[in-house]
N, C-alpha and C. Protein backbone atom coordinates (compact mmCIF):
# COMPACT_ATOMS: atom_id res chain seq x y z
N MET A 1 20.88 121.02 52.64
CA MET A 1 20.41 119.79 52.02
C MET A 1 20.44 119.94 50.50
N ILE A 2 20.84 118.86 49.84
CA ILE A 2 20.80 118.79 48.38
C ILE A 2 19.79 117.71 48.01
N ILE A 3 18.94 118.01 47.04
CA ILE A 3 18.07 116.99 46.47
C ILE A 3 18.61 116.68 45.08
N ALA A 4 18.86 115.39 44.81
CA ALA A 4 19.59 115.05 43.59
C ALA A 4 19.23 113.65 43.11
N LYS A 5 19.56 113.43 41.84
CA LYS A 5 19.48 112.09 41.25
C LYS A 5 20.88 111.53 41.07
N GLU A 6 21.01 110.23 41.23
CA GLU A 6 22.26 109.59 40.88
C GLU A 6 22.54 109.86 39.40
N PRO A 7 23.75 110.33 39.05
CA PRO A 7 24.05 110.72 37.67
C PRO A 7 24.25 109.51 36.75
N ARG A 8 23.15 108.88 36.35
CA ARG A 8 23.19 107.72 35.46
C ARG A 8 22.83 108.16 34.04
N PRO A 9 23.53 107.65 33.03
CA PRO A 9 23.22 107.99 31.64
C PRO A 9 21.76 107.68 31.31
N GLY A 10 21.11 108.64 30.66
CA GLY A 10 19.72 108.47 30.27
C GLY A 10 18.73 108.87 31.34
N GLN A 11 19.22 109.12 32.58
CA GLN A 11 18.34 109.47 33.69
C GLN A 11 18.48 110.92 34.13
N VAL A 12 19.54 111.58 33.71
CA VAL A 12 19.81 112.96 34.14
C VAL A 12 20.18 113.81 32.94
N LYS A 13 19.87 115.10 33.07
CA LYS A 13 20.26 116.09 32.05
C LYS A 13 19.87 115.65 30.63
N THR A 14 18.65 115.16 30.48
CA THR A 14 18.21 114.66 29.18
C THR A 14 18.05 115.78 28.15
N ARG A 15 17.90 117.02 28.61
CA ARG A 15 17.77 118.13 27.66
C ARG A 15 19.13 118.55 27.08
N LEU A 16 20.21 117.93 27.56
CA LEU A 16 21.52 118.18 26.97
C LEU A 16 21.81 117.24 25.80
N THR A 17 20.87 116.32 25.54
CA THR A 17 21.06 115.35 24.45
C THR A 17 20.01 115.57 23.37
N PRO A 18 20.43 115.96 22.16
CA PRO A 18 21.76 116.44 21.78
C PRO A 18 22.00 117.86 22.31
N PRO A 19 23.21 118.38 22.18
CA PRO A 19 24.34 117.90 21.38
C PRO A 19 25.19 116.83 22.07
N TYR A 20 25.01 116.65 23.39
CA TYR A 20 25.85 115.68 24.08
C TYR A 20 25.17 114.32 24.12
N SER A 21 25.98 113.27 24.23
CA SER A 21 25.43 111.92 24.37
C SER A 21 24.90 111.75 25.79
N GLN A 22 24.18 110.65 26.02
CA GLN A 22 23.67 110.38 27.36
C GLN A 22 24.80 110.21 28.36
N VAL A 23 25.88 109.56 27.94
CA VAL A 23 27.04 109.38 28.82
C VAL A 23 27.68 110.73 29.13
N GLU A 24 27.81 111.58 28.13
CA GLU A 24 28.41 112.90 28.35
C GLU A 24 27.51 113.76 29.23
N ALA A 25 26.21 113.69 29.02
CA ALA A 25 25.28 114.46 29.86
C ALA A 25 25.37 114.00 31.31
N ALA A 26 25.51 112.69 31.53
CA ALA A 26 25.65 112.17 32.88
C ALA A 26 26.97 112.64 33.52
N ALA A 27 28.03 112.73 32.71
CA ALA A 27 29.31 113.23 33.22
C ALA A 27 29.18 114.69 33.66
N LEU A 28 28.45 115.48 32.90
CA LEU A 28 28.22 116.87 33.28
C LEU A 28 27.37 116.95 34.54
N ALA A 29 26.38 116.08 34.65
CA ALA A 29 25.54 116.05 35.85
C ALA A 29 26.37 115.69 37.08
N GLU A 30 27.26 114.71 36.93
CA GLU A 30 28.11 114.33 38.06
C GLU A 30 29.03 115.47 38.47
N ALA A 31 29.57 116.18 37.49
CA ALA A 31 30.45 117.31 37.80
C ALA A 31 29.68 118.40 38.54
N ALA A 32 28.45 118.68 38.10
CA ALA A 32 27.62 119.68 38.78
C ALA A 32 27.31 119.24 40.20
N LEU A 33 27.06 117.96 40.37
CA LEU A 33 26.77 117.43 41.70
C LEU A 33 27.99 117.53 42.60
N ARG A 34 29.17 117.26 42.05
CA ARG A 34 30.40 117.41 42.83
C ARG A 34 30.55 118.86 43.32
N ASP A 35 30.30 119.82 42.43
CA ASP A 35 30.40 121.22 42.83
C ASP A 35 29.38 121.56 43.92
N SER A 36 28.18 121.02 43.78
CA SER A 36 27.13 121.32 44.76
C SER A 36 27.48 120.76 46.14
N VAL A 37 27.94 119.51 46.19
CA VAL A 37 28.26 118.93 47.49
C VAL A 37 29.49 119.60 48.10
N ARG A 38 30.42 120.03 47.28
CA ARG A 38 31.58 120.74 47.81
C ARG A 38 31.19 122.07 48.42
N ALA A 39 30.27 122.77 47.76
CA ALA A 39 29.81 124.05 48.31
C ALA A 39 29.10 123.84 49.64
N VAL A 40 28.26 122.81 49.72
CA VAL A 40 27.55 122.53 50.97
C VAL A 40 28.54 122.08 52.04
N ALA A 41 29.51 121.26 51.68
CA ALA A 41 30.50 120.78 52.64
C ALA A 41 31.32 121.93 53.22
N ALA A 42 31.50 122.99 52.46
CA ALA A 42 32.31 124.14 52.90
C ALA A 42 31.49 125.20 53.63
N THR A 43 30.21 124.94 53.80
CA THR A 43 29.30 125.89 54.46
C THR A 43 29.02 125.45 55.89
N PRO A 44 29.13 126.35 56.87
CA PRO A 44 28.80 125.98 58.25
C PRO A 44 27.37 125.45 58.34
N ALA A 45 27.19 124.31 59.00
CA ALA A 45 25.86 123.70 59.11
C ALA A 45 25.85 122.73 60.28
N THR A 46 24.69 122.58 60.91
CA THR A 46 24.56 121.59 61.98
C THR A 46 24.39 120.20 61.41
N GLN A 47 23.99 120.10 60.14
CA GLN A 47 23.78 118.82 59.49
C GLN A 47 23.81 119.02 57.98
N ARG A 48 24.38 118.06 57.26
CA ARG A 48 24.40 118.11 55.79
C ARG A 48 23.70 116.86 55.28
N VAL A 49 22.67 117.07 54.48
CA VAL A 49 21.80 115.97 54.05
C VAL A 49 21.78 115.90 52.53
N LEU A 50 21.79 114.69 52.00
CA LEU A 50 21.57 114.45 50.57
C LEU A 50 20.31 113.62 50.43
N ALA A 51 19.27 114.20 49.86
CA ALA A 51 18.04 113.47 49.54
C ALA A 51 18.21 112.92 48.13
N LEU A 52 18.45 111.63 48.03
CA LEU A 52 18.96 111.05 46.79
C LEU A 52 17.97 110.07 46.16
N ASP A 53 17.82 110.21 44.85
CA ASP A 53 17.12 109.22 44.03
C ASP A 53 18.21 108.37 43.39
N GLY A 54 18.45 107.19 43.94
CA GLY A 54 19.53 106.34 43.45
C GLY A 54 20.53 106.04 44.55
N LEU A 55 21.76 105.76 44.14
CA LEU A 55 22.80 105.37 45.08
C LEU A 55 23.94 106.38 45.08
N PRO A 56 24.55 106.63 46.23
CA PRO A 56 25.70 107.55 46.27
C PRO A 56 26.92 106.93 45.59
N GLY A 57 27.79 107.80 45.08
CA GLY A 57 29.00 107.35 44.41
C GLY A 57 30.22 108.05 44.96
N ARG A 58 31.33 107.96 44.22
CA ARG A 58 32.59 108.56 44.65
C ARG A 58 32.51 110.08 44.72
N TRP A 59 31.48 110.65 44.11
CA TRP A 59 31.32 112.10 44.11
C TRP A 59 30.85 112.63 45.47
N LEU A 60 30.44 111.76 46.37
CA LEU A 60 29.91 112.21 47.67
C LEU A 60 31.01 112.16 48.73
N PRO A 61 31.37 113.32 49.30
CA PRO A 61 32.38 113.32 50.36
C PRO A 61 31.80 112.83 51.68
N ALA A 62 32.67 112.62 52.64
CA ALA A 62 32.21 112.23 53.97
C ALA A 62 31.46 113.40 54.62
N GLY A 63 30.63 113.06 55.59
CA GLY A 63 29.96 114.10 56.37
C GLY A 63 28.53 114.37 55.97
N PHE A 64 27.99 113.61 55.01
CA PHE A 64 26.60 113.79 54.59
C PHE A 64 25.74 112.64 55.10
N VAL A 65 24.54 112.98 55.56
CA VAL A 65 23.51 111.99 55.85
C VAL A 65 22.72 111.77 54.56
N VAL A 66 22.64 110.54 54.08
CA VAL A 66 21.92 110.24 52.84
C VAL A 66 20.54 109.68 53.19
N ILE A 67 19.51 110.32 52.64
CA ILE A 67 18.14 109.84 52.84
C ILE A 67 17.51 109.60 51.47
N PRO A 68 16.61 108.63 51.35
CA PRO A 68 15.95 108.41 50.06
C PRO A 68 14.87 109.44 49.81
N GLN A 69 14.67 109.76 48.55
CA GLN A 69 13.55 110.61 48.19
C GLN A 69 12.25 109.82 48.32
N ARG A 70 11.20 110.53 48.73
CA ARG A 70 9.87 109.93 48.86
C ARG A 70 8.87 110.77 48.09
N GLY A 71 7.86 110.11 47.51
CA GLY A 71 6.80 110.84 46.83
C GLY A 71 6.84 110.64 45.33
N ALA A 72 5.77 111.09 44.69
CA ALA A 72 5.64 110.95 43.24
C ALA A 72 6.18 112.19 42.53
N GLY A 73 5.41 113.26 42.52
CA GLY A 73 5.85 114.48 41.85
C GLY A 73 6.94 115.19 42.63
N LEU A 74 7.58 116.16 41.97
CA LEU A 74 8.67 116.88 42.61
C LEU A 74 8.19 117.65 43.83
N ASP A 75 6.97 118.18 43.79
CA ASP A 75 6.47 118.89 44.97
C ASP A 75 6.40 117.95 46.17
N GLU A 76 5.97 116.72 45.96
CA GLU A 76 5.91 115.75 47.06
C GLU A 76 7.30 115.38 47.55
N ARG A 77 8.25 115.22 46.61
CA ARG A 77 9.60 114.84 47.01
C ARG A 77 10.30 115.97 47.77
N LEU A 78 10.05 117.21 47.36
CA LEU A 78 10.62 118.34 48.08
C LEU A 78 10.03 118.44 49.49
N ALA A 79 8.71 118.32 49.58
CA ALA A 79 8.05 118.40 50.89
C ALA A 79 8.55 117.30 51.82
N ALA A 80 8.70 116.08 51.27
CA ALA A 80 9.18 114.96 52.08
C ALA A 80 10.62 115.16 52.51
N ALA A 81 11.46 115.69 51.61
CA ALA A 81 12.86 115.93 51.95
C ALA A 81 12.98 116.94 53.09
N PHE A 82 12.23 118.02 53.01
CA PHE A 82 12.23 118.99 54.10
C PHE A 82 11.78 118.35 55.40
N ALA A 83 10.69 117.59 55.35
CA ALA A 83 10.16 116.97 56.56
C ALA A 83 11.15 115.98 57.15
N ASP A 84 11.78 115.17 56.30
CA ASP A 84 12.70 114.15 56.79
C ASP A 84 13.96 114.78 57.39
N ALA A 85 14.50 115.80 56.73
CA ALA A 85 15.69 116.47 57.26
C ALA A 85 15.38 117.16 58.58
N HIS A 86 14.22 117.78 58.66
CA HIS A 86 13.84 118.49 59.88
C HIS A 86 13.58 117.51 61.01
N ARG A 87 13.09 116.31 60.67
CA ARG A 87 12.87 115.29 61.69
C ARG A 87 14.20 114.79 62.25
N LEU A 88 15.21 114.67 61.39
CA LEU A 88 16.53 114.24 61.85
C LEU A 88 17.15 115.26 62.79
N ARG A 89 16.98 116.52 62.47
CA ARG A 89 17.49 117.61 63.32
C ARG A 89 16.57 118.81 63.15
N PRO A 90 15.83 119.19 64.18
CA PRO A 90 14.80 120.22 64.03
C PRO A 90 15.36 121.64 63.98
N ASP A 91 16.19 121.89 62.99
CA ASP A 91 16.75 123.20 62.72
C ASP A 91 16.16 123.74 61.42
N PRO A 92 16.35 125.03 61.13
CA PRO A 92 15.98 125.53 59.80
C PRO A 92 16.70 124.73 58.71
N VAL A 93 16.07 124.62 57.55
CA VAL A 93 16.61 123.80 56.45
C VAL A 93 16.76 124.66 55.20
N VAL A 94 17.93 124.59 54.59
CA VAL A 94 18.19 125.23 53.29
C VAL A 94 18.38 124.12 52.27
N LEU A 95 17.61 124.18 51.19
CA LEU A 95 17.66 123.14 50.16
C LEU A 95 18.09 123.72 48.82
N ILE A 96 19.00 123.00 48.15
CA ILE A 96 19.35 123.29 46.76
C ILE A 96 19.26 122.00 45.97
N GLY A 97 19.31 122.14 44.64
CA GLY A 97 19.34 120.99 43.76
C GLY A 97 20.77 120.74 43.28
N MET A 98 20.87 120.02 42.16
CA MET A 98 22.19 119.68 41.60
C MET A 98 22.44 120.41 40.28
N ASP A 99 21.61 121.43 40.00
CA ASP A 99 21.66 122.09 38.68
C ASP A 99 22.37 123.43 38.68
N THR A 100 22.94 123.83 39.83
CA THR A 100 23.61 125.13 39.89
C THR A 100 25.04 124.95 40.42
N PRO A 101 25.93 124.43 39.59
CA PRO A 101 27.31 124.19 40.05
C PRO A 101 28.07 125.48 40.38
N GLN A 102 27.52 126.62 39.98
CA GLN A 102 28.15 127.91 40.29
C GLN A 102 27.83 128.39 41.70
N VAL A 103 27.01 127.64 42.44
CA VAL A 103 26.66 128.05 43.81
C VAL A 103 27.92 128.11 44.67
N THR A 104 27.95 129.06 45.59
CA THR A 104 29.13 129.27 46.43
C THR A 104 28.77 129.09 47.90
N PRO A 105 29.76 128.75 48.73
CA PRO A 105 29.51 128.71 50.17
C PRO A 105 29.00 130.05 50.71
N ALA A 106 29.44 131.15 50.10
CA ALA A 106 28.99 132.47 50.57
C ALA A 106 27.48 132.64 50.40
N LEU A 107 26.96 132.19 49.25
CA LEU A 107 25.52 132.27 49.04
C LEU A 107 24.77 131.38 50.02
N LEU A 108 25.28 130.18 50.23
CA LEU A 108 24.62 129.25 51.16
C LEU A 108 24.71 129.77 52.59
N ARG A 109 25.83 130.39 52.94
CA ARG A 109 25.97 130.96 54.27
C ARG A 109 24.97 132.11 54.46
N GLU A 110 24.79 132.93 53.42
CA GLU A 110 23.81 134.01 53.49
C GLU A 110 22.41 133.45 53.72
N ALA A 111 22.09 132.36 53.03
CA ALA A 111 20.77 131.76 53.19
C ALA A 111 20.57 131.26 54.62
N GLY A 112 21.57 130.58 55.15
CA GLY A 112 21.45 130.07 56.51
C GLY A 112 21.32 131.17 57.54
N GLN A 113 22.13 132.21 57.38
CA GLN A 113 22.07 133.32 58.32
C GLN A 113 20.76 134.08 58.22
N ALA A 114 20.20 134.15 57.01
CA ALA A 114 18.94 134.87 56.84
C ALA A 114 17.80 134.21 57.62
N LEU A 115 17.88 132.89 57.78
CA LEU A 115 16.82 132.18 58.50
C LEU A 115 16.85 132.46 60.00
N GLU A 116 17.85 133.19 60.46
CA GLU A 116 17.82 133.65 61.85
C GLU A 116 16.85 134.82 62.01
N ARG A 117 16.57 135.51 60.89
CA ARG A 117 15.71 136.71 60.94
C ARG A 117 14.45 136.57 60.11
N TYR A 118 14.49 135.72 59.09
CA TYR A 118 13.36 135.55 58.17
C TYR A 118 12.77 134.15 58.32
N ASP A 119 11.53 134.01 57.84
CA ASP A 119 10.87 132.70 57.87
C ASP A 119 11.31 131.82 56.72
N ALA A 120 11.70 132.44 55.61
CA ALA A 120 12.05 131.69 54.41
C ALA A 120 13.10 132.44 53.61
N VAL A 121 13.83 131.68 52.78
CA VAL A 121 14.80 132.25 51.85
C VAL A 121 14.48 131.68 50.48
N PHE A 122 14.54 132.53 49.46
CA PHE A 122 14.15 132.12 48.11
C PHE A 122 15.20 132.57 47.11
N GLY A 123 15.70 131.62 46.31
CA GLY A 123 16.65 131.93 45.25
C GLY A 123 16.03 131.63 43.90
N PRO A 124 15.66 132.64 43.13
CA PRO A 124 15.01 132.40 41.84
C PRO A 124 15.98 131.91 40.77
N ALA A 125 15.47 131.11 39.85
CA ALA A 125 16.26 130.62 38.72
C ALA A 125 15.83 131.35 37.45
N ALA A 126 16.75 131.47 36.52
CA ALA A 126 16.49 132.23 35.30
C ALA A 126 15.40 131.59 34.43
N ASP A 127 15.17 130.29 34.59
CA ASP A 127 14.15 129.62 33.78
C ASP A 127 12.75 129.72 34.36
N GLY A 128 12.60 130.50 35.45
CA GLY A 128 11.29 130.66 36.06
C GLY A 128 11.07 129.78 37.28
N GLY A 129 12.03 128.91 37.58
CA GLY A 129 11.93 128.07 38.77
C GLY A 129 12.66 128.68 39.95
N PHE A 130 13.23 127.85 40.78
CA PHE A 130 14.05 128.36 41.89
C PHE A 130 15.19 127.39 42.13
N TRP A 131 16.33 127.96 42.55
CA TRP A 131 17.51 127.13 42.78
C TRP A 131 17.74 126.87 44.26
N LEU A 132 17.11 127.65 45.13
CA LEU A 132 17.26 127.48 46.57
C LEU A 132 15.96 127.82 47.26
N LEU A 133 15.65 127.03 48.28
CA LEU A 133 14.52 127.33 49.16
C LEU A 133 14.94 127.00 50.58
N GLY A 134 14.81 127.96 51.45
CA GLY A 134 15.12 127.75 52.85
C GLY A 134 13.89 128.03 53.70
N LEU A 135 13.67 127.19 54.69
CA LEU A 135 12.50 127.34 55.57
C LEU A 135 12.94 127.21 57.02
N ARG A 136 12.52 128.17 57.83
CA ARG A 136 12.83 128.08 59.25
C ARG A 136 12.05 126.94 59.90
N ARG A 137 10.78 126.82 59.52
CA ARG A 137 9.95 125.73 60.04
C ARG A 137 9.29 125.02 58.85
N PRO A 138 9.90 123.99 58.33
CA PRO A 138 9.34 123.30 57.16
C PRO A 138 7.92 122.81 57.41
N ASP A 139 7.08 123.02 56.39
CA ASP A 139 5.68 122.61 56.44
C ASP A 139 5.31 122.11 55.05
N PRO A 140 4.87 120.85 54.91
CA PRO A 140 4.53 120.33 53.58
C PRO A 140 3.52 121.20 52.82
N ALA A 141 2.64 121.89 53.55
CA ALA A 141 1.64 122.72 52.90
C ALA A 141 2.25 123.87 52.10
N LEU A 142 3.50 124.23 52.40
CA LEU A 142 4.16 125.30 51.67
C LEU A 142 4.63 124.85 50.28
N LEU A 143 4.63 123.53 50.03
CA LEU A 143 5.14 123.00 48.76
C LEU A 143 4.14 122.17 47.98
N LEU A 144 3.34 121.38 48.68
CA LEU A 144 2.43 120.45 48.00
C LEU A 144 1.45 121.20 47.11
N GLY A 145 1.37 120.76 45.86
CA GLY A 145 0.45 121.38 44.91
C GLY A 145 1.04 122.49 44.08
N VAL A 146 2.26 122.93 44.40
CA VAL A 146 2.91 123.93 43.55
C VAL A 146 3.37 123.24 42.28
N PRO A 147 2.95 123.71 41.09
CA PRO A 147 3.35 123.05 39.85
C PRO A 147 4.85 123.19 39.60
N MET A 148 5.51 122.07 39.38
CA MET A 148 6.95 122.08 39.18
C MET A 148 7.30 121.97 37.69
N SER A 149 8.54 122.34 37.36
CA SER A 149 9.03 122.30 35.97
C SER A 149 8.09 123.07 35.05
N HIS A 150 7.71 124.25 35.50
CA HIS A 150 6.76 125.11 34.81
C HIS A 150 7.37 126.51 34.74
N PRO A 151 7.09 127.30 33.68
CA PRO A 151 7.69 128.63 33.59
C PRO A 151 7.38 129.55 34.77
N GLU A 152 6.31 129.25 35.52
CA GLU A 152 5.96 130.10 36.65
C GLU A 152 6.09 129.37 37.99
N THR A 153 6.88 128.29 38.01
CA THR A 153 7.08 127.56 39.26
C THR A 153 7.58 128.47 40.37
N GLY A 154 8.61 129.25 40.07
CA GLY A 154 9.17 130.13 41.08
C GLY A 154 8.18 131.15 41.59
N LYS A 155 7.45 131.76 40.67
CA LYS A 155 6.45 132.76 41.05
C LYS A 155 5.39 132.13 41.95
N GLN A 156 4.92 130.95 41.56
CA GLN A 156 3.87 130.31 42.36
C GLN A 156 4.39 129.84 43.71
N GLN A 157 5.64 129.38 43.75
CA GLN A 157 6.20 128.99 45.04
C GLN A 157 6.36 130.20 45.96
N LEU A 158 6.82 131.30 45.40
CA LEU A 158 6.97 132.52 46.19
C LEU A 158 5.61 133.03 46.66
N ASP A 159 4.63 132.98 45.77
CA ASP A 159 3.27 133.38 46.17
C ASP A 159 2.78 132.53 47.34
N ARG A 160 3.07 131.22 47.30
CA ARG A 160 2.64 130.32 48.37
C ARG A 160 3.26 130.74 49.71
N LEU A 161 4.54 131.08 49.67
CA LEU A 161 5.21 131.50 50.90
C LEU A 161 4.61 132.80 51.43
N GLU A 162 4.38 133.74 50.54
CA GLU A 162 3.88 135.04 50.97
C GLU A 162 2.43 134.96 51.43
N ARG A 163 1.62 134.11 50.78
CA ARG A 163 0.23 133.95 51.23
C ARG A 163 0.17 133.31 52.61
N ALA A 164 1.21 132.54 52.96
CA ALA A 164 1.27 131.93 54.29
C ALA A 164 1.73 132.94 55.34
N GLY A 165 2.02 134.15 54.91
CA GLY A 165 2.43 135.20 55.84
C GLY A 165 3.89 135.15 56.24
N LEU A 166 4.71 134.45 55.45
CA LEU A 166 6.13 134.32 55.79
C LEU A 166 6.93 135.52 55.31
N ALA A 167 7.87 135.95 56.14
CA ALA A 167 8.84 136.97 55.72
C ALA A 167 9.93 136.27 54.93
N VAL A 168 10.18 136.74 53.70
CA VAL A 168 11.06 136.03 52.77
C VAL A 168 12.29 136.88 52.45
N HIS A 169 13.46 136.27 52.57
CA HIS A 169 14.71 136.90 52.14
C HIS A 169 15.02 136.40 50.73
N HIS A 170 15.37 137.33 49.84
CA HIS A 170 15.61 136.98 48.43
C HIS A 170 17.10 136.94 48.13
N LEU A 171 17.50 135.88 47.42
CA LEU A 171 18.87 135.72 46.96
C LEU A 171 18.95 136.06 45.47
N PRO A 172 20.16 136.22 44.93
CA PRO A 172 20.30 136.54 43.50
C PRO A 172 19.79 135.40 42.60
N GLU A 173 19.39 135.79 41.40
CA GLU A 173 18.97 134.80 40.40
C GLU A 173 20.19 134.06 39.86
N LEU A 174 20.07 132.74 39.72
CA LEU A 174 21.11 131.92 39.10
C LEU A 174 20.51 131.15 37.92
N ILE A 175 21.39 130.67 37.05
CA ILE A 175 20.98 129.87 35.90
C ILE A 175 21.04 128.40 36.27
N ASP A 176 19.94 127.69 36.11
CA ASP A 176 19.93 126.23 36.20
C ASP A 176 20.50 125.65 34.91
N VAL A 177 21.29 124.61 35.01
CA VAL A 177 21.79 123.95 33.80
C VAL A 177 20.74 122.98 33.29
N ASP A 178 20.08 123.37 32.22
CA ASP A 178 19.11 122.51 31.55
C ASP A 178 19.53 122.22 30.11
N THR A 179 19.97 123.27 29.41
CA THR A 179 20.31 123.16 28.00
C THR A 179 21.81 123.38 27.79
N ALA A 180 22.27 123.12 26.56
CA ALA A 180 23.68 123.35 26.24
C ALA A 180 24.05 124.82 26.40
N ALA A 181 23.13 125.72 26.05
CA ALA A 181 23.40 127.15 26.22
C ALA A 181 23.55 127.49 27.70
N ASP A 182 22.71 126.90 28.54
CA ASP A 182 22.84 127.09 29.99
C ASP A 182 24.20 126.62 30.47
N ALA A 183 24.62 125.45 29.98
CA ALA A 183 25.89 124.88 30.41
C ALA A 183 27.05 125.82 30.09
N THR A 184 27.02 126.39 28.89
CA THR A 184 28.08 127.32 28.48
C THR A 184 28.10 128.55 29.37
N ALA A 185 26.92 129.09 29.66
CA ALA A 185 26.83 130.30 30.49
C ALA A 185 27.30 130.03 31.92
N VAL A 186 26.90 128.90 32.47
CA VAL A 186 27.27 128.59 33.85
C VAL A 186 28.77 128.32 33.96
N ALA A 187 29.33 127.62 32.98
CA ALA A 187 30.77 127.35 33.00
C ALA A 187 31.57 128.65 32.92
N ALA A 188 31.08 129.60 32.14
CA ALA A 188 31.75 130.90 32.04
C ALA A 188 31.67 131.66 33.37
N ASP A 189 30.56 131.47 34.08
CA ASP A 189 30.36 132.15 35.36
C ASP A 189 31.21 131.53 36.47
N ALA A 190 31.52 130.23 36.33
CA ALA A 190 32.30 129.52 37.36
C ALA A 190 33.41 128.73 36.68
N PRO A 191 34.42 129.42 36.12
CA PRO A 191 35.44 128.74 35.31
C PRO A 191 36.31 127.77 36.11
N GLY A 192 36.37 127.92 37.43
CA GLY A 192 37.18 127.02 38.23
C GLY A 192 36.43 125.81 38.76
N SER A 193 35.18 125.64 38.35
CA SER A 193 34.35 124.55 38.87
C SER A 193 34.66 123.23 38.18
N CYS A 194 34.26 122.14 38.85
CA CYS A 194 34.35 120.81 38.22
C CYS A 194 33.52 120.79 36.94
N PHE A 195 32.37 121.48 37.00
CA PHE A 195 31.47 121.50 35.84
C PHE A 195 32.15 122.14 34.65
N ALA A 196 32.79 123.29 34.85
CA ALA A 196 33.46 123.98 33.74
C ALA A 196 34.58 123.11 33.18
N ALA A 197 35.31 122.42 34.05
CA ALA A 197 36.39 121.54 33.58
C ALA A 197 35.84 120.39 32.75
N ALA A 198 34.71 119.81 33.20
CA ALA A 198 34.10 118.70 32.46
C ALA A 198 33.60 119.17 31.10
N LEU A 199 33.02 120.37 31.07
CA LEU A 199 32.51 120.89 29.80
C LEU A 199 33.65 121.18 28.83
N ARG A 200 34.73 121.75 29.33
CA ARG A 200 35.90 122.02 28.47
C ARG A 200 36.43 120.71 27.88
N GLU A 201 36.47 119.67 28.68
CA GLU A 201 36.97 118.37 28.22
C GLU A 201 36.09 117.83 27.10
N LEU A 202 34.77 117.97 27.24
CA LEU A 202 33.86 117.45 26.23
C LEU A 202 33.89 118.27 24.94
N ASP A 203 34.16 119.56 25.09
CA ASP A 203 34.11 120.45 23.92
C ASP A 203 35.46 120.55 23.20
N ARG A 204 36.46 119.81 23.67
CA ARG A 204 37.79 119.87 23.03
C ARG A 204 37.73 119.23 21.64
């Protein structure tokens, strides 16, 4: 499952402005989203879900179930997305966002396979958050109340999982694209991505 916003100017990647315009930031967001959905589409799964704030566009390939996001804060929207996806098909759920275009099918496959042996999978982000969360049995209590967009979001989310007694498999740390410096680093890490191509076009 991917949780994402429709890439509309002024609504996404606002920390990229400046140096980029709102239109350019939205173009980078769309490119990152394209990479994310392609990685999920190439990963074995019983179901592929997009929990979307907004409307799908040409960037969405066939084969995804689109559900609306529910809730106020991000913790509520994450909890609702897990619950809704699990209600559609009661299998383990792996969730990513749209901020890590360098994600690969191999990493997502590792996360899915880990849920055969572990209760949860956790992928930390370099900014202190997390880029992936997988749960064998989604439970809103594992997410509700965890402070989001905070330097210790990842630590507190991991603490919540461990206090619940869950066995957690850890994935490598990735960089979320928030700032222009992040964008440069991620594009260098994934030079063949749509995101890297979009960034090269803007920086010409």
